[in-house]
Amino acid sequence: MFGWFKRAKEPEIEVEEEPEMVERRAAQRNDTYADVVAKSNSGRFLKRGIALDLSSNGARLRFENGDSLLDGMVVNISRYGVKRRGKMRWRTKTDVGVEFIDED
């Protein structure tokens, strides 16, 4: 009857494919949970925090407040014998990604 009661064609729902995550790290990251001390390049104490993960190229560090950290710092993770100069690559309110800029 005049097409009023015709069942409407159901719309096709396209399923979006998840983009593949591309691993951009040069070295494998290992989970850690160790005390870390960040100092300025001249050796002045900056912050005490926790190293969440560690690789040969860098580390992810957590501080109560990472706002006052410098772009360049010395990272000391004594449990793993790490004392290296690093450069901040990214930062959130509490977490900091550090790339090591000296040789191991």
PDB file of N, CA and C in Angstrom:
ATOM      1  N   MET A   1       0.824  -1.179   0.000  1.00  0.00           N
ATOM      2  CA  MET A   1       0.000   0.000   0.000  1.00  0.00           C
ATOM      3  C   MET A   1       0.861   1.232   0.000  1.00  0.00           C
ATOM      4  N   PHE A   2       1.006   1.799  -1.082  1.00  0.00           N
ATOM      5  CA  PHE A   2       1.745   3.043  -1.280  1.00  0.00           C
ATOM      6  C   PHE A   2       3.188   2.975  -0.779  1.00  0.00           C
ATOM      7  N   GLY A   3       3.654   1.843  -0.428  1.00  0.00           N
ATOM      8  CA  GLY A   3       5.036   1.708   0.005  1.00  0.00           C
ATOM      9  C   GLY A   3       5.303   2.178   1.425  1.00  0.00           C
ATOM     10  N   TRP A   4       4.266   2.522   2.163  1.00  0.00           N
ATOM     11  CA  TRP A   4       4.468   3.037   3.524  1.00  0.00           C
ATOM     12  C   TRP A   4       4.949   1.955   4.485  1.00  0.00           C
ATOM     13  N   PHE A   5       4.494   0.765   4.250  1.00  0.00           N
ATOM     14  CA  PHE A   5       4.802  -0.307   5.187  1.00  0.00           C
ATOM     15  C   PHE A   5       5.921  -1.214   4.695  1.00  0.00           C
ATOM     16  N   LYS A   6       6.604  -0.777   3.670  1.00  0.00           N
ATOM     17  CA  LYS A   6       7.722  -1.582   3.196  1.00  0.00           C
ATOM     18  C   LYS A   6       8.846  -1.496   4.213  1.00  0.00           C
ATOM     19  N   ARG A   7       9.430  -2.605   4.395  1.00  0.00           N
ATOM     20  CA  ARG A   7      10.549  -2.643   5.335  1.00  0.00           C
ATOM     21  C   ARG A   7      11.735  -1.911   4.695  1.00  0.00           C
ATOM     22  N   ALA A   8      12.301  -0.999   5.444  1.00  0.00           N
ATOM     23  CA  ALA A   8      13.437  -0.236   4.937  1.00  0.00           C
ATOM     24  C   ALA A   8      14.663  -1.134   4.859  1.00  0.00           C
ATOM     25  N   LYS A   9      15.453  -0.874   3.857  1.00  0.00           N
ATOM     26  CA  LYS A   9      16.681  -1.638   3.716  1.00  0.00           C
ATOM     27  C   LYS A   9      17.618  -1.243   4.854  1.00  0.00           C
ATOM     28  N   GLU A  10      18.139  -2.245   5.538  1.00  0.00           N
ATOM     29  CA  GLU A  10      19.017  -1.957   6.670  1.00  0.00           C
ATOM     30  C   GLU A  10      20.346  -1.430   6.152  1.00  0.00           C
ATOM     31  N   PRO A  11      20.826  -0.366   6.774  1.00  0.00           N
ATOM     32  CA  PRO A  11      22.103   0.195   6.305  1.00  0.00           C
ATOM     33  C   PRO A  11      23.251  -0.760   6.618  1.00  0.00           C
ATOM     34  N   GLU A  12      24.221  -0.762   5.730  1.00  0.00           N
ATOM     35  CA  GLU A  12      25.398  -1.588   5.959  1.00  0.00           C
ATOM     36  C   GLU A  12      26.315  -0.854   6.921  1.00  0.00           C
ATOM     37  N   ILE A  13      26.754  -1.566   7.898  1.00  0.00           N
ATOM     38  CA  ILE A  13      27.662  -0.980   8.881  1.00  0.00           C
ATOM     39  C   ILE A  13      29.068  -1.426   8.524  1.00  0.00           C
ATOM     40  N   GLU A  14      29.904  -0.430   8.234  1.00  0.00           N
ATOM     41  CA  GLU A  14      31.282  -0.749   7.895  1.00  0.00           C
ATOM     42  C   GLU A  14      32.084  -0.924   9.174  1.00  0.00           C
ATOM     43  N   VAL A  15      32.833  -1.966   9.201  1.00  0.00           N
ATOM     44  CA  VAL A  15      33.681  -2.229  10.354  1.00  0.00           C
ATOM     45  C   VAL A  15      35.035  -1.584  10.085  1.00  0.00           C
ATOM     46  N   GLU A  16      35.406  -0.649  10.963  1.00  0.00           N
ATOM     47  CA  GLU A  16      36.700   0.006  10.802  1.00  0.00           C
ATOM     48  C   GLU A  16      37.790  -0.916  11.309  1.00  0.00           C
ATOM     49  N   GLU A  17      38.813  -1.033  10.527  1.00  0.00           N
ATOM     50  CA  GLU A  17      39.935  -1.862  10.943  1.00  0.00           C
ATOM     51  C   GLU A  17      40.848  -1.048  11.845  1.00  0.00           C
ATOM     52  N   GLU A  18      41.342  -1.701  12.878  1.00  0.00           N
ATOM     53  CA  GLU A  18      42.287  -1.056  13.786  1.00  0.00           C
ATOM     54  C   GLU A  18      43.604  -0.851  13.046  1.00  0.00           C
ATOM     55  N   PRO A  19      44.169   0.332  13.133  1.00  0.00           N
ATOM     56  CA  PRO A  19      45.481   0.512  12.498  1.00  0.00           C
ATOM     57  C   PRO A  19      46.538  -0.293  13.245  1.00  0.00           C
ATOM     58  N   GLU A  20      47.465  -0.831  12.501  1.00  0.00           N
ATOM     59  CA  GLU A  20      48.520  -1.612  13.136  1.00  0.00           C
ATOM     60  C   GLU A  20      49.445  -0.682  13.894  1.00  0.00           C
ATOM     61  N   MET A  21      49.802  -1.092  15.101  1.00  0.00           N
ATOM     62  CA  MET A  21      50.737  -0.309  15.888  1.00  0.00           C
ATOM     63  C   MET A  21      52.140  -0.556  15.337  1.00  0.00           C
ATOM     64  N   VAL A  22      52.841   0.505  15.099  1.00  0.00           N
ATOM     65  CA  VAL A  22      54.191   0.401  14.571  1.00  0.00           C
ATOM     66  C   VAL A  22      55.170   0.599  15.717  1.00  0.00           C
ATOM     67  N   GLU A  23      56.021  -0.361  15.915  1.00  0.00           N
ATOM     68  CA  GLU A  23      57.024  -0.275  16.973  1.00  0.00           C
ATOM     69  C   GLU A  23      58.157   0.611  16.483  1.00  0.00           C
ATOM     70  N   ARG A  24      58.370   1.729  17.176  1.00  0.00           N
ATOM     71  CA  ARG A  24      59.402   2.669  16.760  1.00  0.00           C
ATOM     72  C   ARG A  24      60.617   2.645  17.675  1.00  0.00           C
ATOM     73  N   ARG A  25      60.590   1.844  18.691  1.00  0.00           N
ATOM     74  CA  ARG A  25      61.726   1.805  19.610  1.00  0.00           C
ATOM     75  C   ARG A  25      62.888   1.059  18.968  1.00  0.00           C
ATOM     76  N   ALA A  26      64.080   1.580  19.183  1.00  0.00           N
ATOM     77  CA  ALA A  26      65.277   0.949  18.627  1.00  0.00           C
ATOM     78  C   ALA A  26      65.729  -0.238  19.471  1.00  0.00           C
ATOM     79  N   ALA A  27      65.363  -0.248  20.748  1.00  0.00           N
ATOM     80  CA  ALA A  27      65.782  -1.327  21.649  1.00  0.00           C
ATOM     81  C   ALA A  27      64.581  -1.809  22.457  1.00  0.00           C
ATOM     82  N   GLN A  28      64.616  -3.078  22.848  1.00  0.00           N
ATOM     83  CA  GLN A  28      63.521  -3.646  23.629  1.00  0.00           C
ATOM     84  C   GLN A  28      63.458  -3.002  25.004  1.00  0.00           C
ATOM     85  N   ARG A  29      62.248  -2.715  25.440  1.00  0.00           N
ATOM     86  CA  ARG A  29      62.025  -2.084  26.736  1.00  0.00           C
ATOM     87  C   ARG A  29      61.732  -3.172  27.765  1.00  0.00           C
ATOM     88  N   ASN A  30      62.362  -3.067  28.934  1.00  0.00           N
ATOM     89  CA  ASN A  30      62.159  -4.038  30.013  1.00  0.00           C
ATOM     90  C   ASN A  30      61.463  -3.361  31.179  1.00  0.00           C
ATOM     91  N   ASP A  31      60.426  -4.017  31.693  1.00  0.00           N
ATOM     92  CA  ASP A  31      59.725  -3.470  32.857  1.00  0.00           C
ATOM     93  C   ASP A  31      60.657  -3.470  34.058  1.00  0.00           C
ATOM     94  N   THR A  32      60.651  -2.371  34.773  1.00  0.00           N
ATOM     95  CA  THR A  32      61.432  -2.260  36.004  1.00  0.00           C
ATOM     96  C   THR A  32      60.560  -1.547  37.021  1.00  0.00           C
ATOM     97  N   TYR A  33      60.968  -1.574  38.221  1.00  0.00           N
ATOM     98  CA  TYR A  33      60.331  -0.767  39.261  1.00  0.00           C
ATOM     99  C   TYR A  33      61.430  -0.481  40.258  1.00  0.00           C
ATOM    100  N   ALA A  34      62.178   0.579  39.986  1.00  0.00           N
ATOM    101  CA  ALA A  34      63.369   0.863  40.787  1.00  0.00           C
ATOM    102  C   ALA A  34      63.445   2.350  41.089  1.00  0.00           C
ATOM    103  N   ASP A  35      64.064   2.667  42.209  1.00  0.00           N
ATOM    104  CA  ASP A  35      64.265   4.073  42.567  1.00  0.00           C
ATOM    105  C   ASP A  35      65.163   4.740  41.538  1.00  0.00           C
ATOM    106  N   VAL A  36      64.848   6.001  41.240  1.00  0.00           N
ATOM    107  CA  VAL A  36      65.662   6.781  40.309  1.00  0.00           C
ATOM    108  C   VAL A  36      65.906   8.157  40.913  1.00  0.00           C
ATOM    109  N   VAL A  37      67.083   8.678  40.673  1.00  0.00           N
ATOM    110  CA  VAL A  37      67.411  10.046  41.069  1.00  0.00           C
ATOM    111  C   VAL A  37      67.791  10.786  39.797  1.00  0.00           C
ATOM    112  N   ALA A  38      67.147  11.924  39.568  1.00  0.00           N
ATOM    113  CA  ALA A  38      67.470  12.772  38.426  1.00  0.00           C
ATOM    114  C   ALA A  38      68.252  13.973  38.937  1.00  0.00           C
ATOM    115  N   LYS A  39      69.378  14.229  38.281  1.00  0.00           N
ATOM    116  CA  LYS A  39      70.218  15.367  38.645  1.00  0.00           C
ATOM    117  C   LYS A  39      70.460  16.210  37.403  1.00  0.00           C
ATOM    118  N   SER A  40      70.801  17.470  37.621  1.00  0.00           N
ATOM    119  CA  SER A  40      71.172  18.320  36.495  1.00  0.00           C
ATOM    120  C   SER A  40      72.508  17.829  35.941  1.00  0.00           C
ATOM    121  N   ASN A  41      72.861  18.282  34.753  1.00  0.00           N
ATOM    122  CA  ASN A  41      74.140  17.873  34.164  1.00  0.00           C
ATOM    123  C   ASN A  41      75.325  18.304  35.016  1.00  0.00           C
ATOM    124  N   SER A  42      75.138  19.341  35.837  1.00  0.00           N
ATOM    125  CA  SER A  42      76.220  19.794  36.721  1.00  0.00           C
ATOM    126  C   SER A  42      76.235  19.033  38.047  1.00  0.00           C
ATOM    127  N   GLY A  43      75.267  18.112  38.261  1.00  0.00           N
ATOM    128  CA  GLY A  43      75.252  17.285  39.459  1.00  0.00           C
ATOM    129  C   GLY A  43      74.307  17.749  40.552  1.00  0.00           C
ATOM    130  N   ARG A  44      73.548  18.818  40.311  1.00  0.00           N
ATOM    131  CA  ARG A  44      72.602  19.321  41.316  1.00  0.00           C
ATOM    132  C   ARG A  44      71.375  18.405  41.363  1.00  0.00           C
ATOM    133  N   PHE A  45      70.945  18.016  42.567  1.00  0.00           N
ATOM    134  CA  PHE A  45      69.779  17.145  42.753  1.00  0.00           C
ATOM    135  C   PHE A  45      68.526  17.823  42.206  1.00  0.00           C
ATOM    136  N   LEU A  46      67.734  17.089  41.430  1.00  0.00           N
ATOM    137  CA  LEU A  46      66.479  17.617  40.892  1.00  0.00           C
ATOM    138  C   LEU A  46      65.263  16.913  41.488  1.00  0.00           C
ATOM    139  N   LYS A  47      65.170  15.612  41.279  1.00  0.00           N
ATOM    140  CA  LYS A  47      63.982  14.857  41.706  1.00  0.00           C
ATOM    141  C   LYS A  47      64.351  13.426  42.040  1.00  0.00           C
ATOM    142  N   ARG A  48      63.510  12.819  42.875  1.00  0.00           N
ATOM    143  CA  ARG A  48      63.584  11.395  43.172  1.00  0.00           C
ATOM    144  C   ARG A  48      62.265  10.792  42.687  1.00  0.00           C
ATOM    145  N   GLY A  49      62.352   9.634  42.029  1.00  0.00           N
ATOM    146  CA  GLY A  49      61.147   9.009  41.499  1.00  0.00           C
ATOM    147  C   GLY A  49      61.336   7.516  41.302  1.00  0.00           C
ATOM    148  N   ILE A  50      60.560   6.963  40.356  1.00  0.00           N
ATOM    149  CA  ILE A  50      60.561   5.530  40.064  1.00  0.00           C
ATOM    150  C   ILE A  50      60.823   5.333  38.574  1.00  0.00           C
ATOM    151  N   ALA A  51      61.702   4.399  38.237  1.00  0.00           N
ATOM    152  CA  ALA A  51      61.906   3.990  36.847  1.00  0.00           C
ATOM    153  C   ALA A  51      60.896   2.888  36.549  1.00  0.00           C
ATOM    154  N   LEU A  52      60.025   3.117  35.572  1.00  0.00           N
ATOM    155  CA  LEU A  52      58.991   2.135  35.229  1.00  0.00           C
ATOM    156  C   LEU A  52      59.470   1.130  34.197  1.00  0.00           C
ATOM    157  N   ASP A  53      60.247   1.584  33.229  1.00  0.00           N
ATOM    158  CA  ASP A  53      60.860   0.655  32.295  1.00  0.00           C
ATOM    159  C   ASP A  53      62.173   1.224  31.796  1.00  0.00           C
ATOM    160  N   LEU A  54      62.973   0.333  31.241  1.00  0.00           N
ATOM    161  CA  LEU A  54      64.351   0.674  30.925  1.00  0.00           C
ATOM    162  C   LEU A  54      64.780  -0.079  29.681  1.00  0.00           C
ATOM    163  N   SER A  55      65.504   0.592  28.802  1.00  0.00           N
ATOM    164  CA  SER A  55      66.126  -0.056  27.651  1.00  0.00           C
ATOM    165  C   SER A  55      67.542   0.484  27.529  1.00  0.00           C
ATOM    166  N   SER A  56      68.282  -0.010  26.558  1.00  0.00           N
ATOM    167  CA  SER A  56      69.646   0.483  26.379  1.00  0.00           C
ATOM    168  C   SER A  56      69.658   1.912  25.855  1.00  0.00           C
ATOM    169  N   ASN A  57      68.529   2.354  25.282  1.00  0.00           N
ATOM    170  CA  ASN A  57      68.454   3.700  24.704  1.00  0.00           C
ATOM    171  C   ASN A  57      67.743   4.717  25.571  1.00  0.00           C
ATOM    172  N   GLY A  58      67.008   4.299  26.599  1.00  0.00           N
ATOM    173  CA  GLY A  58      66.260   5.265  27.393  1.00  0.00           C
ATOM    174  C   GLY A  58      65.462   4.619  28.503  1.00  0.00           C
ATOM    175  N   ALA A  59      64.605   5.441  29.120  1.00  0.00           N
ATOM    176  CA  ALA A  59      63.813   4.968  30.254  1.00  0.00           C
ATOM    177  C   ALA A  59      62.533   5.779  30.354  1.00  0.00           C
ATOM    178  N   ARG A  60      61.535   5.166  30.993  1.00  0.00           N
ATOM    179  CA  ARG A  60      60.314   5.896  31.360  1.00  0.00           C
ATOM    180  C   ARG A  60      60.346   6.045  32.866  1.00  0.00           C
ATOM    181  N   LEU A  61      60.282   7.295  33.311  1.00  0.00           N
ATOM    182  CA  LEU A  61      60.409   7.614  34.727  1.00  0.00           C
ATOM    183  C   LEU A  61      59.120   8.234  35.229  1.00  0.00           C
ATOM    184  N   ARG A  62      58.805   7.992  36.496  1.00  0.00           N
ATOM    185  CA  ARG A  62      57.608   8.586  37.106  1.00  0.00           C
ATOM    186  C   ARG A  62      58.026   9.385  38.329  1.00  0.00           C
ATOM    187  N   PHE A  63      57.517  10.617  38.374  1.00  0.00           N
ATOM    188  CA  PHE A  63      57.770  11.519  39.490  1.00  0.00           C
ATOM    189  C   PHE A  63      56.438  12.017  40.015  1.00  0.00           C
ATOM    190  N   GLU A  64      56.424  12.450  41.266  1.00  0.00           N
ATOM    191  CA  GLU A  64      55.192  13.019  41.822  1.00  0.00           C
ATOM    192  C   GLU A  64      54.749  14.204  40.975  1.00  0.00           C
ATOM    193  N   ASN A  65      55.704  15.001  40.539  1.00  0.00           N
ATOM    194  CA  ASN A  65      55.427  16.125  39.661  1.00  0.00           C
ATOM    195  C   ASN A  65      56.673  16.349  38.810  1.00  0.00           C
ATOM    196  N   GLY A  66      56.558  16.071  37.517  1.00  0.00           N
ATOM    197  CA  GLY A  66      57.717  16.178  36.641  1.00  0.00           C
ATOM    198  C   GLY A  66      57.872  17.526  35.980  1.00  0.00           C
ATOM    199  N   ASP A  67      57.072  18.505  36.386  1.00  0.00           N
ATOM    200  CA  ASP A  67      57.098  19.802  35.713  1.00  0.00           C
ATOM    201  C   ASP A  67      58.424  20.529  35.825  1.00  0.00           C
ATOM    202  N   SER A  68      59.111  20.381  36.933  1.00  0.00           N
ATOM    203  CA  SER A  68      60.320  21.174  37.153  1.00  0.00           C
ATOM    204  C   SER A  68      61.592  20.505  36.627  1.00  0.00           C
ATOM    205  N   LEU A  69      61.455  19.393  35.913  1.00  0.00           N
ATOM    206  CA  LEU A  69      62.644  18.727  35.382  1.00  0.00           C
ATOM    207  C   LEU A  69      63.205  19.493  34.192  1.00  0.00           C
ATOM    208  N   LEU A  70      64.496  19.361  34.006  1.00  0.00           N
ATOM    209  CA  LEU A  70      65.168  20.006  32.888  1.00  0.00           C
ATOM    210  C   LEU A  70      65.153  19.085  31.674  1.00  0.00           C
ATOM    211  N   ASP A  71      65.345  19.658  30.488  1.00  0.00           N
ATOM    212  CA  ASP A  71      65.385  18.842  29.277  1.00  0.00           C
ATOM    213  C   ASP A  71      66.588  17.902  29.265  1.00  0.00           C
ATOM    214  N   GLY A  72      67.697  18.333  29.859  1.00  0.00           N
ATOM    215  CA  GLY A  72      68.883  17.494  29.968  1.00  0.00           C
ATOM    216  C   GLY A  72      69.114  17.136  31.424  1.00  0.00           C
ATOM    217  N   MET A  73      69.461  15.883  31.696  1.00  0.00           N
ATOM    218  CA  MET A  73      69.636  15.455  33.088  1.00  0.00           C
ATOM    219  C   MET A  73      70.527  14.229  33.142  1.00  0.00           C
ATOM    220  N   VAL A  74      70.983  13.914  34.337  1.00  0.00           N
ATOM    221  CA  VAL A  74      71.702  12.669  34.590  1.00  0.00           C
ATOM    222  C   VAL A  74      70.741  11.756  35.340  1.00  0.00           C
ATOM    223  N   VAL A  75      70.526  10.561  34.807  1.00  0.00           N
ATOM    224  CA  VAL A  75      69.598   9.589  35.382  1.00  0.00           C
ATOM    225  C   VAL A  75      70.418   8.541  36.125  1.00  0.00           C
ATOM    226  N   ASN A  76      70.096   8.331  37.401  1.00  0.00           N
ATOM    227  CA  ASN A  76      70.814   7.357  38.222  1.00  0.00           C
ATOM    228  C   ASN A  76      69.817   6.320  38.736  1.00  0.00           C
ATOM    229  N   ILE A  77      69.916   5.095  38.212  1.00  0.00           N
ATOM    230  CA  ILE A  77      69.089   3.968  38.666  1.00  0.00           C
ATOM    231  C   ILE A  77      70.067   2.968  39.269  1.00  0.00           C
ATOM    232  N   SER A  78      70.332   3.115  40.565  1.00  0.00           N
ATOM    233  CA  SER A  78      71.421   2.363  41.200  1.00  0.00           C
ATOM    234  C   SER A  78      71.178   0.856  41.210  1.00  0.00           C
ATOM    235  N   ARG A  79      69.932   0.414  41.300  1.00  0.00           N
ATOM    236  CA  ARG A  79      69.646  -1.031  41.331  1.00  0.00           C
ATOM    237  C   ARG A  79      70.184  -1.729  40.085  1.00  0.00           C
ATOM    238  N   TYR A  80      70.169  -1.039  38.954  1.00  0.00           N
ATOM    239  CA  TYR A  80      70.630  -1.619  37.696  1.00  0.00           C
ATOM    240  C   TYR A  80      71.985  -1.070  37.263  1.00  0.00           C
ATOM    241  N   GLY A  81      72.625  -0.294  38.119  1.00  0.00           N
ATOM    242  CA  GLY A  81      73.938   0.245  37.793  1.00  0.00           C
ATOM    243  C   GLY A  81      73.920   1.249  36.656  1.00  0.00           C
ATOM    244  N   VAL A  82      72.821   1.962  36.501  1.00  0.00           N
ATOM    245  CA  VAL A  82      72.678   2.928  35.412  1.00  0.00           C
ATOM    246  C   VAL A  82      72.930   4.332  35.947  1.00  0.00           C
ATOM    247  N   LYS A  83      73.883   5.005  35.341  1.00  0.00           N
ATOM    248  CA  LYS A  83      74.108   6.427  35.609  1.00  0.00           C
ATOM    249  C   LYS A  83      74.497   7.036  34.270  1.00  0.00           C
ATOM    250  N   ARG A  84      73.487   7.642  33.603  1.00  0.00           N
ATOM    251  CA  ARG A  84      73.699   8.110  32.235  1.00  0.00           C
ATOM    252  C   ARG A  84      73.066   9.468  32.017  1.00  0.00           C
ATOM    253  N   ARG A  85      73.688  10.213  31.117  1.00  0.00           N
ATOM    254  CA  ARG A  85      73.101  11.497  30.714  1.00  0.00           C
ATOM    255  C   ARG A  85      71.932  11.217  29.785  1.00  0.00           C
ATOM    256  N   GLY A  86      70.860  11.986  29.969  1.00  0.00           N
ATOM    257  CA  GLY A  86      69.679  11.781  29.156  1.00  0.00           C
ATOM    258  C   GLY A  86      69.053  13.081  28.704  1.00  0.00           C
ATOM    259  N   LYS A  87      68.215  12.951  27.698  1.00  0.00           N
ATOM    260  CA  LYS A  87      67.485  14.087  27.134  1.00  0.00           C
ATOM    261  C   LYS A  87      66.001  13.749  27.196  1.00  0.00           C
ATOM    262  N   MET A  88      65.197  14.671  27.710  1.00  0.00           N
ATOM    263  CA  MET A  88      63.763  14.430  27.808  1.00  0.00           C
ATOM    264  C   MET A  88      63.153  14.428  26.403  1.00  0.00           C
ATOM    265  N   ARG A  89      62.416  13.352  26.075  1.00  0.00           N
ATOM    266  CA  ARG A  89      61.777  13.234  24.761  1.00  0.00           C
ATOM    267  C   ARG A  89      60.292  13.557  24.826  1.00  0.00           C
ATOM    268  N   TRP A  90      59.652  13.240  25.941  1.00  0.00           N
ATOM    269  CA  TRP A  90      58.233  13.547  26.132  1.00  0.00           C
ATOM    270  C   TRP A  90      57.969  13.644  27.618  1.00  0.00           C
ATOM    271  N   ARG A  91      56.805  14.232  27.946  1.00  0.00           N
ATOM    272  CA  ARG A  91      56.469  14.440  29.355  1.00  0.00           C
ATOM    273  C   ARG A  91      54.952  14.506  29.507  1.00  0.00           C
ATOM    274  N   THR A  92      54.439  13.884  30.567  1.00  0.00           N
ATOM    275  CA  THR A  92      53.070  14.093  31.029  1.00  0.00           C
ATOM    276  C   THR A  92      53.194  14.734  32.405  1.00  0.00           C
ATOM    277  N   LYS A  93      52.087  14.842  33.119  1.00  0.00           N
ATOM    278  CA  LYS A  93      52.153  15.469  34.444  1.00  0.00           C
ATOM    279  C   LYS A  93      53.071  14.700  35.392  1.00  0.00           C
ATOM    280  N   THR A  94      53.084  13.368  35.275  1.00  0.00           N
ATOM    281  CA  THR A  94      53.895  12.564  36.200  1.00  0.00           C
ATOM    282  C   THR A  94      54.984  11.745  35.516  1.00  0.00           C
ATOM    283  N   ASP A  95      54.828  11.390  34.262  1.00  0.00           N
ATOM    284  CA  ASP A  95      55.780  10.508  33.585  1.00  0.00           C
ATOM    285  C   ASP A  95      56.670  11.287  32.621  1.00  0.00           C
ATOM    286  N   VAL A  96      57.881  10.788  32.461  1.00  0.00           N
ATOM    287  CA  VAL A  96      58.868  11.422  31.593  1.00  0.00           C
ATOM    288  C   VAL A  96      59.568  10.332  30.792  1.00  0.00           C
ATOM    289  N   GLY A  97      59.683  10.545  29.493  1.00  0.00           N
ATOM    290  CA  GLY A  97      60.468   9.655  28.649  1.00  0.00           C
ATOM    291  C   GLY A  97      61.835  10.267  28.426  1.00  0.00           C
ATOM    292  N   VAL A  98      62.878   9.520  28.740  1.00  0.00           N
ATOM    293  CA  VAL A  98      64.247  10.023  28.632  1.00  0.00           C
ATOM    294  C   VAL A  98      65.013   9.163  27.633  1.00  0.00           C
ATOM    295  N   GLU A  99      65.672   9.822  26.694  1.00  0.00           N
ATOM    296  CA  GLU A  99      66.560   9.129  25.764  1.00  0.00           C
ATOM    297  C   GLU A  99      67.987   9.329  26.263  1.00  0.00           C
ATOM    298  N   PHE A 100      68.728   8.232  26.385  1.00  0.00           N
ATOM    299  CA  PHE A 100      70.112   8.341  26.823  1.00  0.00           C
ATOM    300  C   PHE A 100      70.952   8.886  25.677  1.00  0.00           C
ATOM    301  N   ILE A 101      71.799   9.873  25.985  1.00  0.00           N
ATOM    302  CA  ILE A 101      72.577  10.516  24.925  1.00  0.00           C
ATOM    303  C   ILE A 101      74.070  10.232  25.041  1.00  0.00           C
ATOM    304  N   ASP A 102      74.463   9.442  26.013  1.00  0.00           N
ATOM    305  CA  ASP A 102      75.863   9.040  26.118  1.00  0.00           C
ATOM    306  C   ASP A 102      75.955   7.544  25.867  1.00  0.00           C
ATOM    307  N   GLU A 103      77.150   7.069  25.669  1.00  0.00           N
ATOM    308  CA  GLU A 103      77.351   5.634  25.448  1.00  0.00           C
ATOM    309  C   GLU A 103      77.318   4.908  26.781  1.00  0.00           C
ATOM    310  N   ASP A 104      76.798   3.699  26.752  1.00  0.00           N
ATOM    311  CA  ASP A 104      76.678   2.875  27.958  1.00  0.00           C
ATOM    312  C   ASP A 104      78.020   2.522  28.535  1.00  0.00           C
TER     313      ASP A 104
END
